[in-house]
Amino acid sequence: MNRIIVTGASGFVGRATVAALADRGYEVHGVARTPVDDIRAHAWHTANLLDPAEASAVVRTAEASHLLHLAWTTAHGRYWSDPANLAWARATCSLAEAFIEAGGVRAVMSGSCAQYSWDSEAIGPSGIANETSTPRRPATLYGWAKQATAELLEAWSAQVGLSYATALVFFPYGPFEQPERLLPSVARSLLAGEAAEVSVGTQVRDFMHVEDCGAAIAALVDGGVTGAVNIGTGQGSSVADVARLIARLLEREDLLRLGARSATDEAPKIVADPTRLHNGVGVTPKYDLESGIRETIDWWSAHATKIAPG
């Protein structure tokens, strides 16, 4: 049985990935500031990963052959420009150094589609991001910190013989997502009988159910593919269409307010090219958009009394 350290194991993507790794037979050692009882980790390690000494202690204690690094700054609305991105870039390199010194053999870091250039001239009219041909020139501190760290780890791994990959995650949604984000904010408002205010919503994104996202990352960890791999469906849906689908499934189209919020200046279309994920890693999504949103609505409905609308 392979033993793996998973940082950010208690997070939105982390809990889905831990479940998928456990299904693959991994002994999961989760790292979090606060362990969570309902996550399928074999053991928990409480640590502040921004402290190199604490991170190194976890690596020495776990004695794992694999490392999945999901932890990063994720505060909604702030992480794009959060100075903590720099601290996380340093901490990630320190963690990787400790893992290599301990004899680790396979590491995967969670990256982001924000590492790509979203400029229309760079990504092209299709809006499809390819790991090889699409430039990675981020527009945010978050994207640059992720990209610079990934480049350092790729170069370093080649020198020390570490098998290394970066999972470029697109737009996951599903249970336990931060309530302020698109799907939960619309669903929670409509479930409460309140108006759901959304922008015009013309921007197209690659939405992937978090269970599929976790399964894809787990498969990437479990395989031998190195370098960057897109974690997305290859299917684009507009923000407006997603909001309309939620409203239709809840039979509350009357409460949907498209255009009530100011539109942000974002790229019109960002969709993953999933060829490498499909052919190299051997993963295809289980959920289509409607079934995934229906499952997510059911989850939020079950938790509506516990989590009030924002």
C-alpha atoms as a PDB file:
ATOM      1  CA  MET A   1       0.000   0.000   0.000  1.00  0.00           C
ATOM      2  CA  ASN A   2       1.346   3.424  -0.976  1.00  0.00           C
ATOM      3  CA  ARG A   3       1.373   6.066   1.733  1.00  0.00           C
ATOM      4  CA  ILE A   4       0.619   9.658   0.742  1.00  0.00           C
ATOM      5  CA  ILE A   5       0.758  13.045   2.438  1.00  0.00           C
ATOM      6  CA  VAL A   6      -2.130  15.291   1.355  1.00  0.00           C
ATOM      7  CA  THR A   7      -1.910  18.947   2.342  1.00  0.00           C
ATOM      8  CA  GLY A   8      -5.161  20.871   2.287  1.00  0.00           C
ATOM      9  CA  ALA A   9      -6.933  17.557   2.917  1.00  0.00           C
ATOM     10  CA  SER A  10      -9.821  19.236   4.732  1.00  0.00           C
ATOM     11  CA  GLY A  11     -10.524  21.679   1.898  1.00  0.00           C
ATOM     12  CA  PHE A  12     -13.154  21.700  -0.838  1.00  0.00           C
ATOM     13  CA  VAL A  13     -11.098  19.779  -3.408  1.00  0.00           C
ATOM     14  CA  GLY A  14      -9.073  18.020  -0.724  1.00  0.00           C
ATOM     15  CA  ARG A  15     -11.901  16.011   0.814  1.00  0.00           C
ATOM     16  CA  ALA A  16     -13.016  14.725  -2.612  1.00  0.00           C
ATOM     17  CA  THR A  17      -9.459  13.811  -3.549  1.00  0.00           C
ATOM     18  CA  VAL A  18      -8.792  12.041  -0.245  1.00  0.00           C
ATOM     19  CA  ALA A  19     -11.868   9.860  -0.849  1.00  0.00           C
ATOM     20  CA  ALA A  20     -10.654   9.005  -4.360  1.00  0.00           C
ATOM     21  CA  LEU A  21      -7.153   8.184  -3.106  1.00  0.00           C
ATOM     22  CA  ALA A  22      -8.594   5.944  -0.376  1.00  0.00           C
ATOM     23  CA  ASP A  23     -10.616   4.122  -3.054  1.00  0.00           C
ATOM     24  CA  ARG A  24      -7.330   3.517  -4.887  1.00  0.00           C
ATOM     25  CA  GLY A  25      -5.851   1.898  -1.791  1.00  0.00           C
ATOM     26  CA  TYR A  26      -3.674   4.743  -0.541  1.00  0.00           C
ATOM     27  CA  GLU A  27      -2.949   5.230   3.144  1.00  0.00           C
ATOM     28  CA  VAL A  28      -3.757   8.928   3.357  1.00  0.00           C
ATOM     29  CA  HIS A  29      -2.005  11.166   5.856  1.00  0.00           C
ATOM     30  CA  GLY A  30      -3.973  14.396   5.851  1.00  0.00           C
ATOM     31  CA  VAL A  31      -2.415  17.691   6.862  1.00  0.00           C
ATOM     32  CA  ALA A  32      -4.626  20.474   8.167  1.00  0.00           C
ATOM     33  CA  ARG A  33      -4.777  23.092  10.888  1.00  0.00           C
ATOM     34  CA  THR A  34      -7.970  21.379  12.092  1.00  0.00           C
ATOM     35  CA  PRO A  35      -8.657  17.693  11.246  1.00  0.00           C
ATOM     36  CA  VAL A  36     -12.143  16.780  10.002  1.00  0.00           C
ATOM     37  CA  ASP A  37     -13.806  13.604  11.280  1.00  0.00           C
ATOM     38  CA  ASP A  38     -15.868  12.803   8.163  1.00  0.00           C
ATOM     39  CA  ILE A  39     -12.899  12.731   5.766  1.00  0.00           C
ATOM     40  CA  ARG A  40     -11.403   9.327   4.996  1.00  0.00           C
ATOM     41  CA  ALA A  41      -7.840   9.980   6.119  1.00  0.00           C
ATOM     42  CA  HIS A  42      -5.846   7.181   7.780  1.00  0.00           C
ATOM     43  CA  ALA A  43      -4.107   9.719  10.019  1.00  0.00           C
ATOM     44  CA  TRP A  44      -4.121  13.479  10.577  1.00  0.00           C
ATOM     45  CA  HIS A  45      -1.142  15.769  11.097  1.00  0.00           C
ATOM     46  CA  THR A  46      -1.830  19.216  12.506  1.00  0.00           C
ATOM     47  CA  ALA A  47       0.694  21.703  11.174  1.00  0.00           C
ATOM     48  CA  ASN A  48       1.238  25.231   9.937  1.00  0.00           C
ATOM     49  CA  LEU A  49       2.826  24.512   6.564  1.00  0.00           C
ATOM     50  CA  LEU A  50       4.102  28.080   6.310  1.00  0.00           C
ATOM     51  CA  ASP A  51       6.557  27.084   9.041  1.00  0.00           C
ATOM     52  CA  PRO A  52       9.300  24.996   7.345  1.00  0.00           C
ATOM     53  CA  ALA A  53      10.132  23.214  10.595  1.00  0.00           C
ATOM     54  CA  GLU A  54       6.541  22.041  11.084  1.00  0.00           C
ATOM     55  CA  ALA A  55       6.267  20.951   7.438  1.00  0.00           C
ATOM     56  CA  SER A  56       9.518  19.000   7.674  1.00  0.00           C
ATOM     57  CA  ALA A  57       8.332  17.306  10.858  1.00  0.00           C
ATOM     58  CA  VAL A  58       5.179  16.087   9.109  1.00  0.00           C
ATOM     59  CA  VAL A  59       7.212  14.645   6.241  1.00  0.00           C
ATOM     60  CA  ARG A  60       9.561  12.832   8.614  1.00  0.00           C
ATOM     61  CA  THR A  61       6.698  11.443  10.697  1.00  0.00           C
ATOM     62  CA  ALA A  62       4.534  10.269   7.797  1.00  0.00           C
ATOM     63  CA  GLU A  63       7.360   8.557   5.874  1.00  0.00           C
ATOM     64  CA  ALA A  64       5.278   8.710   2.698  1.00  0.00           C
ATOM     65  CA  SER A  65       6.265   7.717  -0.809  1.00  0.00           C
ATOM     66  CA  HIS A  66       3.787  10.201  -2.388  1.00  0.00           C
ATOM     67  CA  LEU A  67       2.915  13.838  -1.807  1.00  0.00           C
ATOM     68  CA  LEU A  68      -0.149  15.749  -2.979  1.00  0.00           C
ATOM     69  CA  HIS A  69       0.092  19.451  -2.212  1.00  0.00           C
ATOM     70  CA  LEU A  70      -3.303  21.164  -2.337  1.00  0.00           C
ATOM     71  CA  ALA A  71      -2.876  23.767   0.403  1.00  0.00           C
ATOM     72  CA  TRP A  72      -2.652  27.428  -0.672  1.00  0.00           C
ATOM     73  CA  THR A  73      -4.341  30.742   0.056  1.00  0.00           C
ATOM     74  CA  THR A  74      -7.993  30.465  -1.028  1.00  0.00           C
ATOM     75  CA  ALA A  75      -9.894  33.315   0.672  1.00  0.00           C
ATOM     76  CA  HIS A  76     -12.777  34.126  -1.673  1.00  0.00           C
ATOM     77  CA  GLY A  77     -12.356  37.449  -3.442  1.00  0.00           C
ATOM     78  CA  ARG A  78      -8.877  38.026  -1.986  1.00  0.00           C
ATOM     79  CA  TYR A  79      -6.629  35.205  -3.101  1.00  0.00           C
ATOM     80  CA  TRP A  80      -5.942  36.680  -6.553  1.00  0.00           C
ATOM     81  CA  SER A  81      -3.803  39.461  -5.062  1.00  0.00           C
ATOM     82  CA  ASP A  82      -3.142  38.094  -1.565  1.00  0.00           C
ATOM     83  CA  PRO A  83       0.518  38.659  -0.522  1.00  0.00           C
ATOM     84  CA  ALA A  84       0.257  35.240   1.151  1.00  0.00           C
ATOM     85  CA  ASN A  85       0.758  33.768  -2.335  1.00  0.00           C
ATOM     86  CA  LEU A  86       4.459  34.558  -1.946  1.00  0.00           C
ATOM     87  CA  ALA A  87       4.612  32.821   1.418  1.00  0.00           C
ATOM     88  CA  TRP A  88       2.902  29.759  -0.050  1.00  0.00           C
ATOM     89  CA  ALA A  89       5.354  29.654  -2.958  1.00  0.00           C
ATOM     90  CA  ARG A  90       8.267  29.608  -0.487  1.00  0.00           C
ATOM     91  CA  ALA A  91       6.551  27.075   1.747  1.00  0.00           C
ATOM     92  CA  THR A  92       5.848  24.753  -1.177  1.00  0.00           C
ATOM     93  CA  CYS A  93       9.508  24.685  -2.174  1.00  0.00           C
ATOM     94  CA  SER A  94      10.499  23.972   1.447  1.00  0.00           C
ATOM     95  CA  LEU A  95       7.947  21.158   1.646  1.00  0.00           C
ATOM     96  CA  ALA A  96       9.216  19.640  -1.606  1.00  0.00           C
ATOM     97  CA  GLU A  97      12.799  19.847  -0.372  1.00  0.00           C
ATOM     98  CA  ALA A  98      11.896  18.008   2.824  1.00  0.00           C
ATOM     99  CA  PHE A  99       9.974  15.375   0.845  1.00  0.00           C
ATOM    100  CA  ILE A 100      12.881  14.778  -1.522  1.00  0.00           C
ATOM    101  CA  GLU A 101      15.346  14.519   1.368  1.00  0.00           C
ATOM    102  CA  ALA A 102      13.058  11.952   3.018  1.00  0.00           C
ATOM    103  CA  GLY A 103      13.173   9.752  -0.083  1.00  0.00           C
ATOM    104  CA  GLY A 104       9.780  10.611  -1.623  1.00  0.00           C
ATOM    105  CA  VAL A 105       9.255   9.320  -5.142  1.00  0.00           C
ATOM    106  CA  ARG A 106       6.121  10.993  -6.572  1.00  0.00           C
ATOM    107  CA  ALA A 107       4.715  14.503  -5.998  1.00  0.00           C
ATOM    108  CA  VAL A 108       1.786  16.395  -7.480  1.00  0.00           C
ATOM    109  CA  MET A 109       0.980  20.045  -6.839  1.00  0.00           C
ATOM    110  CA  SER A 110      -2.436  21.570  -7.395  1.00  0.00           C
ATOM    111  CA  GLY A 111      -2.096  24.386  -9.894  1.00  0.00           C
ATOM    112  CA  SER A 112      -4.757  26.435 -11.621  1.00  0.00           C
ATOM    113  CA  CYS A 113      -6.084  27.478 -15.001  1.00  0.00           C
ATOM    114  CA  ALA A 114      -5.130  30.978 -13.761  1.00  0.00           C
ATOM    115  CA  GLN A 115      -1.582  30.033 -14.762  1.00  0.00           C
ATOM    116  CA  TYR A 116      -2.617  30.423 -18.404  1.00  0.00           C
ATOM    117  CA  SER A 117      -2.772  33.737 -20.195  1.00  0.00           C
ATOM    118  CA  TRP A 118      -6.459  34.643 -20.433  1.00  0.00           C
ATOM    119  CA  ASP A 119      -5.748  37.300 -23.022  1.00  0.00           C
ATOM    120  CA  SER A 120      -7.882  36.656 -26.110  1.00  0.00           C
ATOM    121  CA  GLU A 121      -4.880  36.913 -28.430  1.00  0.00           C
ATOM    122  CA  ALA A 122      -2.938  34.333 -26.388  1.00  0.00           C
ATOM    123  CA  ILE A 123      -5.672  31.778 -25.797  1.00  0.00           C
ATOM    124  CA  GLY A 124      -7.381  32.341 -29.142  1.00  0.00           C
ATOM    125  CA  PRO A 125     -11.057  32.652 -30.077  1.00  0.00           C
ATOM    126  CA  SER A 126     -11.793  29.059 -29.025  1.00  0.00           C
ATOM    127  CA  GLY A 127     -10.886  29.823 -25.427  1.00  0.00           C
ATOM    128  CA  ILE A 128      -9.421  26.325 -25.142  1.00  0.00           C
ATOM    129  CA  ALA A 129      -6.276  26.074 -23.015  1.00  0.00           C
ATOM    130  CA  ASN A 130      -3.735  23.428 -24.010  1.00  0.00           C
ATOM    131  CA  GLU A 131      -0.841  22.454 -21.727  1.00  0.00           C
ATOM    132  CA  THR A 132       1.730  22.684 -24.515  1.00  0.00           C
ATOM    133  CA  SER A 133       0.577  25.405 -26.883  1.00  0.00           C
ATOM    134  CA  THR A 134      -1.252  27.952 -24.719  1.00  0.00           C
ATOM    135  CA  PRO A 135       1.075  30.522 -23.095  1.00  0.00           C
ATOM    136  CA  ARG A 136       1.245  30.534 -19.307  1.00  0.00           C
ATOM    137  CA  ARG A 137       1.422  34.250 -18.621  1.00  0.00           C
ATOM    138  CA  PRO A 138      -0.831  34.819 -15.610  1.00  0.00           C
ATOM    139  CA  ALA A 139      -2.656  38.078 -14.966  1.00  0.00           C
ATOM    140  CA  THR A 140      -2.678  37.761 -11.150  1.00  0.00           C
ATOM    141  CA  LEU A 141      -0.236  37.307  -8.290  1.00  0.00           C
ATOM    142  CA  TYR A 142      -1.979  34.028  -7.496  1.00  0.00           C
ATOM    143  CA  GLY A 143      -1.381  32.729 -11.016  1.00  0.00           C
ATOM    144  CA  TRP A 144       2.236  33.892 -11.090  1.00  0.00           C
ATOM    145  CA  ALA A 145       3.012  32.332  -7.705  1.00  0.00           C
ATOM    146  CA  LYS A 146       1.532  29.008  -8.828  1.00  0.00           C
ATOM    147  CA  GLN A 147       3.302  29.112 -12.185  1.00  0.00           C
ATOM    148  CA  ALA A 148       6.704  30.096 -10.800  1.00  0.00           C
ATOM    149  CA  THR A 149       6.501  27.365  -8.174  1.00  0.00           C
ATOM    150  CA  ALA A 150       5.493  24.757 -10.740  1.00  0.00           C
ATOM    151  CA  GLU A 151       8.401  25.714 -13.003  1.00  0.00           C
ATOM    152  CA  LEU A 152      10.875  25.485 -10.126  1.00  0.00           C
ATOM    153  CA  LEU A 153       9.577  22.084  -9.066  1.00  0.00           C
ATOM    154  CA  GLU A 154       9.607  20.741 -12.630  1.00  0.00           C
ATOM    155  CA  ALA A 155      13.231  21.818 -13.111  1.00  0.00           C
ATOM    156  CA  TRP A 156      14.270  20.556  -9.696  1.00  0.00           C
ATOM    157  CA  SER A 157      12.520  17.200 -10.030  1.00  0.00           C
ATOM    158  CA  ALA A 158      14.387  16.487 -13.249  1.00  0.00           C
ATOM    159  CA  GLN A 159      17.697  16.949 -11.413  1.00  0.00           C
ATOM    160  CA  VAL A 160      16.881  14.789  -8.399  1.00  0.00           C
ATOM    161  CA  GLY A 161      14.850  12.051 -10.092  1.00  0.00           C
ATOM    162  CA  LEU A 162      11.497  12.931  -8.523  1.00  0.00           C
ATOM    163  CA  SER A 163       8.366  12.080 -10.531  1.00  0.00           C
ATOM    164  CA  TYR A 164       6.442  15.391 -10.551  1.00  0.00           C
ATOM    165  CA  ALA A 165       3.228  16.728 -12.089  1.00  0.00           C
ATOM    166  CA  THR A 166       1.124  19.884 -11.795  1.00  0.00           C
ATOM    167  CA  ALA A 167      -2.675  19.553 -11.850  1.00  0.00           C
ATOM    168  CA  LEU A 168      -4.067  22.654 -13.591  1.00  0.00           C
ATOM    169  CA  VAL A 169      -7.527  22.804 -12.002  1.00  0.00           C
ATOM    170  CA  PHE A 170     -10.272  24.698 -13.841  1.00  0.00           C
ATOM    171  CA  PHE A 171     -13.629  25.499 -12.168  1.00  0.00           C
ATOM    172  CA  PRO A 172     -14.736  22.854  -9.653  1.00  0.00           C
ATOM    173  CA  TYR A 173     -18.137  23.048  -7.993  1.00  0.00           C
ATOM    174  CA  GLY A 174     -20.112  20.818  -5.667  1.00  0.00           C
ATOM    175  CA  PRO A 175     -20.655  20.004  -1.983  1.00  0.00           C
ATOM    176  CA  PHE A 176     -18.618  21.994   0.557  1.00  0.00           C
ATOM    177  CA  GLU A 177     -17.778  24.767  -1.923  1.00  0.00           C
ATOM    178  CA  GLN A 178     -17.296  28.232  -0.427  1.00  0.00           C
ATOM    179  CA  PRO A 179     -20.836  29.662  -0.093  1.00  0.00           C
ATOM    180  CA  GLU A 180     -19.952  32.950  -1.816  1.00  0.00           C
ATOM    181  CA  ARG A 181     -19.092  31.303  -5.119  1.00  0.00           C
ATOM    182  CA  LEU A 182     -21.441  31.133  -8.117  1.00  0.00           C
ATOM    183  CA  LEU A 183     -23.317  27.832  -7.737  1.00  0.00           C
ATOM    184  CA  PRO A 184     -23.835  27.842  -3.980  1.00  0.00           C
ATOM    185  CA  SER A 185     -24.735  31.531  -3.878  1.00  0.00           C
ATOM    186  CA  VAL A 186     -27.471  31.077  -6.502  1.00  0.00           C
ATOM    187  CA  ALA A 187     -28.731  27.759  -5.110  1.00  0.00           C
ATOM    188  CA  ARG A 188     -28.823  28.930  -1.497  1.00  0.00           C
ATOM    189  CA  SER A 189     -30.684  32.111  -2.350  1.00  0.00           C
ATOM    190  CA  LEU A 190     -33.303  30.270  -4.396  1.00  0.00           C
ATOM    191  CA  LEU A 191     -33.685  27.541  -1.780  1.00  0.00           C
ATOM    192  CA  ALA A 192     -34.394  30.283   0.752  1.00  0.00           C
ATOM    193  CA  GLY A 193     -37.003  31.863  -1.541  1.00  0.00           C
ATOM    194  CA  GLU A 194     -34.819  34.915  -2.116  1.00  0.00           C
ATOM    195  CA  ALA A 195     -33.777  36.626  -5.342  1.00  0.00           C
ATOM    196  CA  ALA A 196     -30.503  35.346  -6.800  1.00  0.00           C
ATOM    197  CA  GLU A 197     -28.546  38.227  -8.299  1.00  0.00           C
ATOM    198  CA  VAL A 198     -26.031  37.381 -11.021  1.00  0.00           C
ATOM    199  CA  SER A 199     -24.119  39.346 -13.646  1.00  0.00           C
ATOM    200  CA  VAL A 200     -25.140  39.205 -17.305  1.00  0.00           C
ATOM    201  CA  GLY A 201     -23.090  36.017 -17.273  1.00  0.00           C
ATOM    202  CA  THR A 202     -21.801  35.797 -20.817  1.00  0.00           C
ATOM    203  CA  GLN A 203     -18.384  34.470 -19.741  1.00  0.00           C
ATOM    204  CA  VAL A 204     -17.923  30.764 -20.512  1.00  0.00           C
ATOM    205  CA  ARG A 205     -16.104  28.497 -18.068  1.00  0.00           C
ATOM    206  CA  ASP A 206     -15.223  24.812 -17.718  1.00  0.00           C
ATOM    207  CA  PHE A 207     -17.241  23.708 -14.672  1.00  0.00           C
ATOM    208  CA  MET A 208     -16.283  20.321 -13.211  1.00  0.00           C
ATOM    209  CA  HIS A 209     -18.003  18.515 -10.344  1.00  0.00           C
ATOM    210  CA  VAL A 210     -15.602  18.303  -7.408  1.00  0.00           C
ATOM    211  CA  GLU A 211     -15.987  14.518  -7.204  1.00  0.00           C
ATOM    212  CA  ASP A 212     -14.739  14.259 -10.793  1.00  0.00           C
ATOM    213  CA  CYS A 213     -11.999  16.755  -9.994  1.00  0.00           C
ATOM    214  CA  GLY A 214     -10.860  14.717  -6.996  1.00  0.00           C
ATOM    215  CA  ALA A 215     -10.959  11.488  -9.002  1.00  0.00           C
ATOM    216  CA  ALA A 216      -8.852  13.072 -11.753  1.00  0.00           C
ATOM    217  CA  ILE A 217      -6.226  14.363  -9.326  1.00  0.00           C
ATOM    218  CA  ALA A 218      -6.077  10.990  -7.570  1.00  0.00           C
ATOM    219  CA  ALA A 219      -5.564   9.237 -10.906  1.00  0.00           C
ATOM    220  CA  LEU A 220      -2.802  11.700 -11.778  1.00  0.00           C
ATOM    221  CA  VAL A 221      -1.076  10.972  -8.468  1.00  0.00           C
ATOM    222  CA  ASP A 222      -1.444   7.234  -9.030  1.00  0.00           C
ATOM    223  CA  GLY A 223       0.026   7.311 -12.551  1.00  0.00           C
ATOM    224  CA  GLY A 224       3.347   8.257 -14.040  1.00  0.00           C
ATOM    225  CA  VAL A 225       2.414  11.295 -16.122  1.00  0.00           C
ATOM    226  CA  THR A 226       4.692  14.254 -15.441  1.00  0.00           C
ATOM    227  CA  GLY A 227       4.451  17.946 -16.242  1.00  0.00           C
ATOM    228  CA  ALA A 228       1.234  19.942 -16.483  1.00  0.00           C
ATOM    229  CA  VAL A 229      -2.164  18.255 -16.844  1.00  0.00           C
ATOM    230  CA  ASN A 230      -5.474  20.087 -17.227  1.00  0.00           C
ATOM    231  CA  ILE A 231      -8.160  19.042 -14.746  1.00  0.00           C
ATOM    232  CA  GLY A 232     -11.331  19.971 -16.605  1.00  0.00           C
ATOM    233  CA  THR A 233     -14.146  18.536 -18.714  1.00  0.00           C
ATOM    234  CA  GLY A 234     -13.452  20.171 -22.053  1.00  0.00           C
ATOM    235  CA  GLN A 235     -17.026  21.510 -22.070  1.00  0.00           C
ATOM    236  CA  GLY A 236     -17.803  25.195 -21.659  1.00  0.00           C
ATOM    237  CA  SER A 237     -20.960  26.679 -20.137  1.00  0.00           C
ATOM    238  CA  SER A 238     -21.806  30.324 -19.610  1.00  0.00           C
ATOM    239  CA  VAL A 239     -22.366  31.688 -16.128  1.00  0.00           C
ATOM    240  CA  ALA A 240     -25.870  32.693 -17.228  1.00  0.00           C
ATOM    241  CA  ASP A 241     -26.675  29.175 -18.454  1.00  0.00           C
ATOM    242  CA  VAL A 242     -25.468  27.676 -15.164  1.00  0.00           C
ATOM    243  CA  ALA A 243     -27.639  30.108 -13.186  1.00  0.00           C
ATOM    244  CA  ARG A 244     -30.644  29.363 -15.421  1.00  0.00           C
ATOM    245  CA  LEU A 245     -30.130  25.616 -14.969  1.00  0.00           C
ATOM    246  CA  ILE A 246     -30.085  25.958 -11.179  1.00  0.00           C
ATOM    247  CA  ALA A 247     -33.261  28.078 -11.305  1.00  0.00           C
ATOM    248  CA  ARG A 248     -34.996  25.597 -13.623  1.00  0.00           C
ATOM    249  CA  LEU A 249     -34.123  22.594 -11.462  1.00  0.00           C
ATOM    250  CA  LEU A 250     -35.455  24.420  -8.411  1.00  0.00           C
ATOM    251  CA  GLU A 251     -38.467  25.755 -10.344  1.00  0.00           C
ATOM    252  CA  ARG A 252     -37.610  29.292  -9.252  1.00  0.00           C
ATOM    253  CA  GLU A 253     -36.884  31.061 -12.555  1.00  0.00           C
ATOM    254  CA  ASP A 254     -38.989  33.942 -11.220  1.00  0.00           C
ATOM    255  CA  LEU A 255     -36.317  34.736  -8.614  1.00  0.00           C
ATOM    256  CA  LEU A 256     -33.300  34.754 -10.945  1.00  0.00           C
ATOM    257  CA  ARG A 257     -31.947  38.267 -11.606  1.00  0.00           C
ATOM    258  CA  LEU A 258     -29.481  38.115 -14.492  1.00  0.00           C
ATOM    259  CA  GLY A 259     -27.684  41.410 -14.977  1.00  0.00           C
ATOM    260  CA  ALA A 260     -28.367  42.586 -11.414  1.00  0.00           C
ATOM    261  CA  ARG A 261     -24.652  42.549 -10.611  1.00  0.00           C
ATOM    262  CA  SER A 262     -21.888  44.401 -12.410  1.00  0.00           C
ATOM    263  CA  ALA A 263     -19.982  42.281 -14.871  1.00  0.00           C
ATOM    264  CA  THR A 264     -16.289  41.786 -14.133  1.00  0.00           C
ATOM    265  CA  ASP A 265     -13.642  42.352 -16.778  1.00  0.00           C
ATOM    266  CA  GLU A 266     -12.727  38.735 -17.427  1.00  0.00           C
ATOM    267  CA  ALA A 267     -11.815  36.576 -20.393  1.00  0.00           C
ATOM    268  CA  PRO A 268     -14.894  35.601 -22.423  1.00  0.00           C
ATOM    269  CA  LYS A 269     -14.054  31.885 -22.528  1.00  0.00           C
ATOM    270  CA  ILE A 270     -11.718  29.564 -20.570  1.00  0.00           C
ATOM    271  CA  VAL A 271     -12.084  25.833 -21.243  1.00  0.00           C
ATOM    272  CA  ALA A 272      -9.645  22.955 -20.694  1.00  0.00           C
ATOM    273  CA  ASP A 273      -8.255  20.830 -23.471  1.00  0.00           C
ATOM    274  CA  PRO A 274      -8.745  17.471 -21.675  1.00  0.00           C
ATOM    275  CA  THR A 275      -6.819  15.322 -24.175  1.00  0.00           C
ATOM    276  CA  ARG A 276      -3.889  14.682 -21.852  1.00  0.00           C
ATOM    277  CA  LEU A 277      -6.188  13.922 -18.924  1.00  0.00           C
ATOM    278  CA  HIS A 278      -8.250  11.497 -21.020  1.00  0.00           C
ATOM    279  CA  ASN A 279      -5.475   9.769 -22.953  1.00  0.00           C
ATOM    280  CA  GLY A 280      -2.512  10.062 -20.602  1.00  0.00           C
ATOM    281  CA  VAL A 281      -4.149   9.767 -17.187  1.00  0.00           C
ATOM    282  CA  GLY A 282      -7.154   7.711 -18.336  1.00  0.00           C
ATOM    283  CA  VAL A 283      -9.892   9.814 -16.760  1.00  0.00           C
ATOM    284  CA  THR A 284     -13.269  10.977 -18.053  1.00  0.00           C
ATOM    285  CA  PRO A 285     -15.874  12.783 -15.908  1.00  0.00           C
ATOM    286  CA  LYS A 286     -18.773  10.885 -14.364  1.00  0.00           C
ATOM    287  CA  TYR A 287     -21.089  13.905 -14.160  1.00  0.00           C
ATOM    288  CA  ASP A 288     -22.479  16.024 -16.956  1.00  0.00           C
ATOM    289  CA  LEU A 289     -23.387  19.582 -15.965  1.00  0.00           C
ATOM    290  CA  GLU A 290     -27.054  18.907 -15.216  1.00  0.00           C
ATOM    291  CA  SER A 291     -26.519  15.778 -13.135  1.00  0.00           C
ATOM    292  CA  GLY A 292     -23.680  17.473 -11.263  1.00  0.00           C
ATOM    293  CA  ILE A 293     -25.713  20.561 -10.478  1.00  0.00           C
ATOM    294  CA  ARG A 294     -28.698  18.458  -9.467  1.00  0.00           C
ATOM    295  CA  GLU A 295     -26.512  16.530  -6.998  1.00  0.00           C
ATOM    296  CA  THR A 296     -25.077  19.803  -5.691  1.00  0.00           C
ATOM    297  CA  ILE A 297     -28.520  21.328  -5.202  1.00  0.00           C
ATOM    298  CA  ASP A 298     -29.593  18.237  -3.258  1.00  0.00           C
ATOM    299  CA  TRP A 299     -26.565  18.640  -0.988  1.00  0.00           C
ATOM    300  CA  TRP A 300     -27.211  22.339  -0.366  1.00  0.00           C
ATOM    301  CA  SER A 301     -30.885  21.603   0.222  1.00  0.00           C
ATOM    302  CA  ALA A 302     -29.928  19.076   2.918  1.00  0.00           C
ATOM    303  CA  HIS A 303     -27.643  21.654   4.529  1.00  0.00           C
ATOM    304  CA  ALA A 304     -29.953  24.651   4.134  1.00  0.00           C
ATOM    305  CA  THR A 305     -30.890  24.733   7.807  1.00  0.00           C
ATOM    306  CA  LYS A 306     -27.244  24.722   8.814  1.00  0.00           C
ATOM    307  CA  ILE A 307     -25.882  27.255   6.345  1.00  0.00           C
ATOM    308  CA  ALA A 308     -27.912  30.418   5.877  1.00  0.00           C
ATOM    309  CA  PRO A 309     -27.822  32.352   2.594  1.00  0.00           C
ATOM    310  CA  GLY A 310     -25.054  34.942   2.266  1.00  0.00           C
END
